[in-house]
Amino acid sequence: YFNPPPRLTNPGGIRNLIAVSRPVMISESPTFTMPPAPQDADALVCVVDDDESVRCCFERLLRSARLPVETFASAGHYLERKTHPGPVCLVLDVRMPGLDGFDLQKALAGHCEQIIFLTGHGDVPMCAKAMKAGAVDFLTKPVDEEILLSAVARALDRAREFRAAHAARNAASTMMRSLTQRESQVMDCVIAGMLNKQIAAQLGIEGRALTGTEVRLLRCLAERH
């Protein structure tokens, strides 16, 4: 599917292509985290970079860490991909023909993909822009492989959290739609901060009947928040 990466002439291996370098504005020195556990087998790492040698290099590294990988030559090609059903980490170049990395980040706002920017032309304002828009990390090329793998692990963790929260909101919305008219009235009172006796007086509900209804509604509220 992709041409093989260039043959290296000395034993440095992948580290000749991914050399040690400090990232821009990294808050802490991350520690390498092992690849996803079996229950996270649906995780996916996508590399978006217009440089074929970079795509091949990172694909080899990520596969060596037992991470499922797909590569894309442009932001447009990634947007054409069918939505992945599991957590996604996007390793994204900044400067690319057509849509650049920031354009893709904007297009994916509110989606589950968690983004790591990786660029050879980074500066502090660019890093600040990426992080303010929700990027997990902003790294410069060349980058140490363990720093990259640690960032990928954190991005996948955040993607799982995003998906879990999204599922909980959907479940709460489904529960809200199933409420009876009277239960919806009680819900409005609960949200308004009214006490049990106040709600009972407002709606003419007996205390015992209110207690059972309110428990259900409070549970719904807890899931929603």
C-alpha atoms as a PDB file:
ATOM      1  CA  TYR A   1       0.000   0.000   0.000  1.00  0.00           C
ATOM      2  CA  PHE A   2       2.898   2.332   0.818  1.00  0.00           C
ATOM      3  CA  ASN A   3       6.446   2.233  -0.492  1.00  0.00           C
ATOM      4  CA  PRO A   4       8.915   0.834   2.059  1.00  0.00           C
ATOM      5  CA  PRO A   5      10.918   3.332   4.098  1.00  0.00           C
ATOM      6  CA  PRO A   6      14.427   4.219   2.885  1.00  0.00           C
ATOM      7  CA  ARG A   7      17.208   1.748   3.758  1.00  0.00           C
ATOM      8  CA  LEU A   8      19.456   2.987   6.536  1.00  0.00           C
ATOM      9  CA  THR A   9      23.190   2.768   5.995  1.00  0.00           C
ATOM     10  CA  ASN A  10      24.215   2.526   9.633  1.00  0.00           C
ATOM     11  CA  PRO A  11      22.875   0.532  12.587  1.00  0.00           C
ATOM     12  CA  GLY A  12      21.017   3.458  14.141  1.00  0.00           C
ATOM     13  CA  GLY A  13      17.705   2.099  12.778  1.00  0.00           C
ATOM     14  CA  ILE A  14      14.592   4.164  13.241  1.00  0.00           C
ATOM     15  CA  ARG A  15      16.422   6.489  15.591  1.00  0.00           C
ATOM     16  CA  ASN A  16      18.318   7.882  12.568  1.00  0.00           C
ATOM     17  CA  LEU A  17      15.012   9.170  11.227  1.00  0.00           C
ATOM     18  CA  ILE A  18      13.456   9.990  14.607  1.00  0.00           C
ATOM     19  CA  ALA A  19      16.290  11.609  16.510  1.00  0.00           C
ATOM     20  CA  VAL A  20      16.239  13.016  20.010  1.00  0.00           C
ATOM     21  CA  SER A  21      14.879  16.544  20.221  1.00  0.00           C
ATOM     22  CA  ARG A  22      13.048  18.579  22.812  1.00  0.00           C
ATOM     23  CA  PRO A  23       9.431  19.406  21.926  1.00  0.00           C
ATOM     24  CA  VAL A  24       8.146  22.971  22.069  1.00  0.00           C
ATOM     25  CA  MET A  25       6.526  23.874  25.412  1.00  0.00           C
ATOM     26  CA  ILE A  26       6.127  20.380  26.806  1.00  0.00           C
ATOM     27  CA  SER A  27       4.962  20.651  30.401  1.00  0.00           C
ATOM     28  CA  GLU A  28       6.685  17.535  31.644  1.00  0.00           C
ATOM     29  CA  SER A  29       9.007  14.799  30.503  1.00  0.00           C
ATOM     30  CA  PRO A  30       6.657  11.896  29.728  1.00  0.00           C
ATOM     31  CA  THR A  31       7.368   8.281  30.512  1.00  0.00           C
ATOM     32  CA  PHE A  32       6.750   5.642  27.897  1.00  0.00           C
ATOM     33  CA  THR A  33       3.468   3.793  28.366  1.00  0.00           C
ATOM     34  CA  MET A  34       2.919   0.276  27.106  1.00  0.00           C
ATOM     35  CA  PRO A  35       0.582  -0.270  24.120  1.00  0.00           C
ATOM     36  CA  PRO A  36      -3.185  -0.573  24.635  1.00  0.00           C
ATOM     37  CA  ALA A  37      -4.497  -3.496  26.644  1.00  0.00           C
ATOM     38  CA  PRO A  38      -6.663  -6.113  24.876  1.00  0.00           C
ATOM     39  CA  GLN A  39      -9.886  -4.292  25.778  1.00  0.00           C
ATOM     40  CA  ASP A  40      -8.563  -1.301  23.775  1.00  0.00           C
ATOM     41  CA  ALA A  41      -7.989  -3.295  20.601  1.00  0.00           C
ATOM     42  CA  ASP A  42     -10.356  -0.959  18.722  1.00  0.00           C
ATOM     43  CA  ALA A  43      -7.951   1.975  19.190  1.00  0.00           C
ATOM     44  CA  LEU A  44      -6.409   3.496  16.060  1.00  0.00           C
ATOM     45  CA  VAL A  45      -3.510   5.856  15.363  1.00  0.00           C
ATOM     46  CA  CYS A  46      -3.679   7.884  12.144  1.00  0.00           C
ATOM     47  CA  VAL A  47      -0.609   9.663  10.755  1.00  0.00           C
ATOM     48  CA  VAL A  48      -1.345  12.611   8.453  1.00  0.00           C
ATOM     49  CA  ASP A  49       1.769  13.979   6.737  1.00  0.00           C
ATOM     50  CA  ASP A  50       2.539  14.915   3.124  1.00  0.00           C
ATOM     51  CA  ASP A  51       6.065  13.456   3.418  1.00  0.00           C
ATOM     52  CA  GLU A  52       5.981   9.769   2.461  1.00  0.00           C
ATOM     53  CA  SER A  53       9.235   8.957   4.261  1.00  0.00           C
ATOM     54  CA  VAL A  54       7.821  10.398   7.482  1.00  0.00           C
ATOM     55  CA  ARG A  55       4.605   8.402   7.120  1.00  0.00           C
ATOM     56  CA  CYS A  56       6.519   5.171   6.546  1.00  0.00           C
ATOM     57  CA  CYS A  57       8.884   5.833   9.434  1.00  0.00           C
ATOM     58  CA  PHE A  58       6.132   6.517  11.956  1.00  0.00           C
ATOM     59  CA  GLU A  59       4.054   3.639  10.681  1.00  0.00           C
ATOM     60  CA  ARG A  60       6.964   1.272  11.391  1.00  0.00           C
ATOM     61  CA  LEU A  61       7.485   2.722  14.859  1.00  0.00           C
ATOM     62  CA  LEU A  62       3.818   2.537  15.845  1.00  0.00           C
ATOM     63  CA  ARG A  63       3.396  -0.975  14.491  1.00  0.00           C
ATOM     64  CA  SER A  64       6.474  -2.051  16.446  1.00  0.00           C
ATOM     65  CA  ALA A  65       4.586  -0.871  19.536  1.00  0.00           C
ATOM     66  CA  ARG A  66       1.629  -3.071  18.477  1.00  0.00           C
ATOM     67  CA  LEU A  67      -0.585  -0.093  17.656  1.00  0.00           C
ATOM     68  CA  PRO A  68      -3.013  -0.232  14.690  1.00  0.00           C
ATOM     69  CA  VAL A  69      -1.956   2.458  12.225  1.00  0.00           C
ATOM     70  CA  GLU A  70      -3.300   4.124   9.102  1.00  0.00           C
ATOM     71  CA  THR A  71      -1.460   6.821   7.154  1.00  0.00           C
ATOM     72  CA  PHE A  72      -2.753   9.659   5.008  1.00  0.00           C
ATOM     73  CA  ALA A  73      -0.928  11.993   2.609  1.00  0.00           C
ATOM     74  CA  SER A  74      -3.245  14.954   3.241  1.00  0.00           C
ATOM     75  CA  ALA A  75      -5.904  16.304   5.556  1.00  0.00           C
ATOM     76  CA  GLY A  76      -8.443  15.940   2.769  1.00  0.00           C
ATOM     77  CA  HIS A  77      -7.702  12.230   2.442  1.00  0.00           C
ATOM     78  CA  TYR A  78      -8.249  11.768   6.164  1.00  0.00           C
ATOM     79  CA  LEU A  79     -11.608  13.547   6.050  1.00  0.00           C
ATOM     80  CA  GLU A  80     -12.729  11.130   3.333  1.00  0.00           C
ATOM     81  CA  ARG A  81     -12.177   8.206   5.688  1.00  0.00           C
ATOM     82  CA  LYS A  82     -15.208   6.534   7.272  1.00  0.00           C
ATOM     83  CA  THR A  83     -15.551   7.376  10.970  1.00  0.00           C
ATOM     84  CA  HIS A  84     -13.679   4.876  13.143  1.00  0.00           C
ATOM     85  CA  PRO A  85     -15.868   3.231  15.828  1.00  0.00           C
ATOM     86  CA  GLY A  86     -13.203   3.364  18.544  1.00  0.00           C
ATOM     87  CA  PRO A  87     -10.762   5.834  20.119  1.00  0.00           C
ATOM     88  CA  VAL A  88      -8.518   7.638  17.636  1.00  0.00           C
ATOM     89  CA  CYS A  89      -5.211   9.462  18.006  1.00  0.00           C
ATOM     90  CA  LEU A  90      -4.214  11.716  15.127  1.00  0.00           C
ATOM     91  CA  VAL A  91      -0.480  12.407  14.606  1.00  0.00           C
ATOM     92  CA  LEU A  92      -0.728  15.484  12.449  1.00  0.00           C
ATOM     93  CA  ASP A  93       1.719  17.631  10.506  1.00  0.00           C
ATOM     94  CA  VAL A  94       1.109  21.378  10.561  1.00  0.00           C
ATOM     95  CA  ARG A  95       2.248  22.514   7.120  1.00  0.00           C
ATOM     96  CA  MET A  96       0.676  20.566   4.260  1.00  0.00           C
ATOM     97  CA  PRO A  97      -0.655  21.477   0.797  1.00  0.00           C
ATOM     98  CA  GLY A  98      -4.350  22.311   0.756  1.00  0.00           C
ATOM     99  CA  LEU A  99      -5.857  21.972   4.228  1.00  0.00           C
ATOM    100  CA  ASP A 100      -3.123  22.342   6.828  1.00  0.00           C
ATOM    101  CA  GLY A 101      -3.019  20.775  10.285  1.00  0.00           C
ATOM    102  CA  PHE A 102      -4.893  23.616  11.959  1.00  0.00           C
ATOM    103  CA  ASP A 103      -7.637  23.444   9.332  1.00  0.00           C
ATOM    104  CA  LEU A 104      -8.089  19.747  10.072  1.00  0.00           C
ATOM    105  CA  GLN A 105      -8.108  20.369  13.817  1.00  0.00           C
ATOM    106  CA  LYS A 106     -10.877  22.924  13.324  1.00  0.00           C
ATOM    107  CA  ALA A 107     -12.859  20.536  11.089  1.00  0.00           C
ATOM    108  CA  LEU A 108     -12.677  17.821  13.775  1.00  0.00           C
ATOM    109  CA  ALA A 109     -13.703  20.039  16.699  1.00  0.00           C
ATOM    110  CA  GLY A 110     -16.173  18.156  18.875  1.00  0.00           C
ATOM    111  CA  HIS A 111     -15.193  14.779  17.417  1.00  0.00           C
ATOM    112  CA  CYS A 112     -13.506  11.978  19.301  1.00  0.00           C
ATOM    113  CA  GLU A 113     -10.105  12.273  17.562  1.00  0.00           C
ATOM    114  CA  GLN A 114      -7.365  13.509  19.881  1.00  0.00           C
ATOM    115  CA  ILE A 115      -4.565  15.336  18.086  1.00  0.00           C
ATOM    116  CA  ILE A 116      -0.797  15.357  18.463  1.00  0.00           C
ATOM    117  CA  PHE A 117       0.873  17.945  16.258  1.00  0.00           C
ATOM    118  CA  LEU A 118       4.283  16.998  14.897  1.00  0.00           C
ATOM    119  CA  THR A 119       6.119  19.575  12.823  1.00  0.00           C
ATOM    120  CA  GLY A 120       9.565  20.646  11.720  1.00  0.00           C
ATOM    121  CA  HIS A 121       8.557  24.316  11.693  1.00  0.00           C
ATOM    122  CA  GLY A 122       7.095  24.883  15.152  1.00  0.00           C
ATOM    123  CA  ASP A 123       7.289  27.976  17.314  1.00  0.00           C
ATOM    124  CA  VAL A 124       5.745  29.116  20.590  1.00  0.00           C
ATOM    125  CA  PRO A 125       2.712  30.970  19.093  1.00  0.00           C
ATOM    126  CA  MET A 126       1.951  27.956  16.890  1.00  0.00           C
ATOM    127  CA  CYS A 127       2.172  25.637  19.903  1.00  0.00           C
ATOM    128  CA  ALA A 128      -0.078  27.914  21.952  1.00  0.00           C
ATOM    129  CA  LYS A 129      -2.669  27.972  19.159  1.00  0.00           C
ATOM    130  CA  ALA A 130      -2.699  24.173  18.907  1.00  0.00           C
ATOM    131  CA  MET A 131      -2.961  23.560  22.650  1.00  0.00           C
ATOM    132  CA  LYS A 132      -5.659  26.208  23.128  1.00  0.00           C
ATOM    133  CA  ALA A 133      -7.748  24.424  20.482  1.00  0.00           C
ATOM    134  CA  GLY A 134      -7.458  21.161  22.418  1.00  0.00           C
ATOM    135  CA  ALA A 135      -4.371  19.363  21.089  1.00  0.00           C
ATOM    136  CA  VAL A 136      -2.903  16.719  23.392  1.00  0.00           C
ATOM    137  CA  ASP A 137       0.673  17.686  22.558  1.00  0.00           C
ATOM    138  CA  PHE A 138       2.811  19.721  20.162  1.00  0.00           C
ATOM    139  CA  LEU A 139       6.093  18.060  19.199  1.00  0.00           C
ATOM    140  CA  THR A 140       8.888  19.064  16.853  1.00  0.00           C
ATOM    141  CA  LYS A 141      10.665  16.953  14.258  1.00  0.00           C
ATOM    142  CA  PRO A 142      12.891  15.139  14.836  1.00  0.00           C
ATOM    143  CA  VAL A 143      11.297  13.651  17.953  1.00  0.00           C
ATOM    144  CA  ASP A 144      12.387  10.943  20.352  1.00  0.00           C
ATOM    145  CA  GLU A 145      10.346   7.800  19.756  1.00  0.00           C
ATOM    146  CA  GLU A 146       9.516   7.273  23.441  1.00  0.00           C
ATOM    147  CA  ILE A 147       8.199  10.837  23.733  1.00  0.00           C
ATOM    148  CA  LEU A 148       5.966  10.224  20.731  1.00  0.00           C
ATOM    149  CA  LEU A 149       4.692   6.856  21.996  1.00  0.00           C
ATOM    150  CA  SER A 150       3.937   8.340  25.410  1.00  0.00           C
ATOM    151  CA  ALA A 151       2.001  11.189  23.778  1.00  0.00           C
ATOM    152  CA  VAL A 152       0.048   8.672  21.682  1.00  0.00           C
ATOM    153  CA  ALA A 153      -0.868   6.683  24.813  1.00  0.00           C
ATOM    154  CA  ARG A 154      -2.145   9.864  26.499  1.00  0.00           C
ATOM    155  CA  ALA A 155      -4.119  10.838  23.396  1.00  0.00           C
ATOM    156  CA  LEU A 156      -5.812   7.428  23.228  1.00  0.00           C
ATOM    157  CA  ASP A 157      -6.683   7.655  26.933  1.00  0.00           C
ATOM    158  CA  ARG A 158      -8.291  11.040  26.329  1.00  0.00           C
ATOM    159  CA  ALA A 159     -10.160   9.690  23.297  1.00  0.00           C
ATOM    160  CA  ARG A 160     -11.577   6.846  25.424  1.00  0.00           C
ATOM    161  CA  GLU A 161     -12.700   9.338  28.078  1.00  0.00           C
ATOM    162  CA  PHE A 162     -14.336  11.498  25.411  1.00  0.00           C
ATOM    163  CA  ARG A 163     -16.232   8.532  24.003  1.00  0.00           C
ATOM    164  CA  ALA A 164     -17.357   7.378  27.458  1.00  0.00           C
ATOM    165  CA  ALA A 165     -18.648  10.855  28.324  1.00  0.00           C
ATOM    166  CA  HIS A 166     -20.417  11.103  24.968  1.00  0.00           C
ATOM    167  CA  ALA A 167     -22.099   7.732  25.536  1.00  0.00           C
ATOM    168  CA  ALA A 168     -23.214   8.803  29.017  1.00  0.00           C
ATOM    169  CA  ARG A 169     -24.750  12.004  27.627  1.00  0.00           C
ATOM    170  CA  ASN A 170     -26.592  10.038  24.968  1.00  0.00           C
ATOM    171  CA  ALA A 171     -27.912   7.621  27.599  1.00  0.00           C
ATOM    172  CA  ALA A 172     -29.073  10.515  29.760  1.00  0.00           C
ATOM    173  CA  SER A 173     -30.795  12.161  26.791  1.00  0.00           C
ATOM    174  CA  THR A 174     -32.578   8.887  26.019  1.00  0.00           C
ATOM    175  CA  MET A 175     -33.727   8.653  29.624  1.00  0.00           C
ATOM    176  CA  MET A 176     -34.931  12.261  29.549  1.00  0.00           C
ATOM    177  CA  ARG A 177     -37.058  11.547  26.503  1.00  0.00           C
ATOM    178  CA  SER A 178     -38.653   8.583  28.299  1.00  0.00           C
ATOM    179  CA  LEU A 179     -39.926  10.664  31.240  1.00  0.00           C
ATOM    180  CA  THR A 180     -43.645  11.059  31.762  1.00  0.00           C
ATOM    181  CA  GLN A 181     -45.165  14.527  31.937  1.00  0.00           C
ATOM    182  CA  ARG A 182     -45.285  14.405  35.736  1.00  0.00           C
ATOM    183  CA  GLU A 183     -41.682  13.190  35.938  1.00  0.00           C
ATOM    184  CA  SER A 184     -40.618  16.050  33.684  1.00  0.00           C
ATOM    185  CA  GLN A 185     -42.306  18.484  36.058  1.00  0.00           C
ATOM    186  CA  VAL A 186     -40.435  16.978  38.980  1.00  0.00           C
ATOM    187  CA  MET A 187     -37.210  17.196  36.991  1.00  0.00           C
ATOM    188  CA  ASP A 188     -37.720  20.921  36.427  1.00  0.00           C
ATOM    189  CA  CYS A 189     -38.207  21.391  40.157  1.00  0.00           C
ATOM    190  CA  VAL A 190     -35.107  19.349  41.001  1.00  0.00           C
ATOM    191  CA  ILE A 191     -33.008  21.384  38.564  1.00  0.00           C
ATOM    192  CA  ALA A 192     -34.384  24.543  40.172  1.00  0.00           C
ATOM    193  CA  GLY A 193     -32.987  23.313  43.507  1.00  0.00           C
ATOM    194  CA  MET A 194     -36.319  22.838  45.254  1.00  0.00           C
ATOM    195  CA  LEU A 195     -36.525  20.611  48.336  1.00  0.00           C
ATOM    196  CA  ASN A 196     -38.720  17.507  48.457  1.00  0.00           C
ATOM    197  CA  LYS A 197     -41.448  19.193  50.475  1.00  0.00           C
ATOM    198  CA  GLN A 198     -41.436  22.199  48.162  1.00  0.00           C
ATOM    199  CA  ILE A 199     -41.779  19.984  45.092  1.00  0.00           C
ATOM    200  CA  ALA A 200     -44.549  17.986  46.718  1.00  0.00           C
ATOM    201  CA  ALA A 201     -46.431  21.173  47.601  1.00  0.00           C
ATOM    202  CA  GLN A 202     -45.894  22.643  44.137  1.00  0.00           C
ATOM    203  CA  LEU A 203     -47.120  19.573  42.263  1.00  0.00           C
ATOM    204  CA  GLY A 204     -49.508  18.121  44.806  1.00  0.00           C
ATOM    205  CA  ILE A 205     -47.518  14.872  45.102  1.00  0.00           C
ATOM    206  CA  GLU A 206     -47.460  12.836  48.288  1.00  0.00           C
ATOM    207  CA  GLY A 207     -44.059  12.486  49.923  1.00  0.00           C
ATOM    208  CA  ARG A 208     -43.729   8.730  49.373  1.00  0.00           C
ATOM    209  CA  ALA A 209     -44.634   8.967  45.677  1.00  0.00           C
ATOM    210  CA  LEU A 210     -42.187  11.836  45.250  1.00  0.00           C
ATOM    211  CA  THR A 211     -39.291   9.954  46.787  1.00  0.00           C
ATOM    212  CA  GLY A 212     -39.328   7.129  44.234  1.00  0.00           C
ATOM    213  CA  THR A 213     -39.725   9.486  41.309  1.00  0.00           C
ATOM    214  CA  GLU A 214     -37.015  11.828  42.513  1.00  0.00           C
ATOM    215  CA  VAL A 215     -34.470   9.031  42.897  1.00  0.00           C
ATOM    216  CA  ARG A 216     -34.904   8.138  39.245  1.00  0.00           C
ATOM    217  CA  LEU A 217     -34.568  11.751  38.148  1.00  0.00           C
ATOM    218  CA  LEU A 218     -31.508  12.426  40.277  1.00  0.00           C
ATOM    219  CA  ARG A 219     -29.842   9.370  38.814  1.00  0.00           C
ATOM    220  CA  CYS A 220     -30.562  10.750  35.357  1.00  0.00           C
ATOM    221  CA  LEU A 221     -29.078  14.091  36.368  1.00  0.00           C
ATOM    222  CA  ALA A 222     -25.961  12.410  37.720  1.00  0.00           C
ATOM    223  CA  GLU A 223     -25.382  10.605  34.416  1.00  0.00           C
ATOM    224  CA  ARG A 224     -26.017  13.754  32.452  1.00  0.00           C
ATOM    225  CA  HIS A 225     -23.398  15.671  34.390  1.00  0.00           C
END
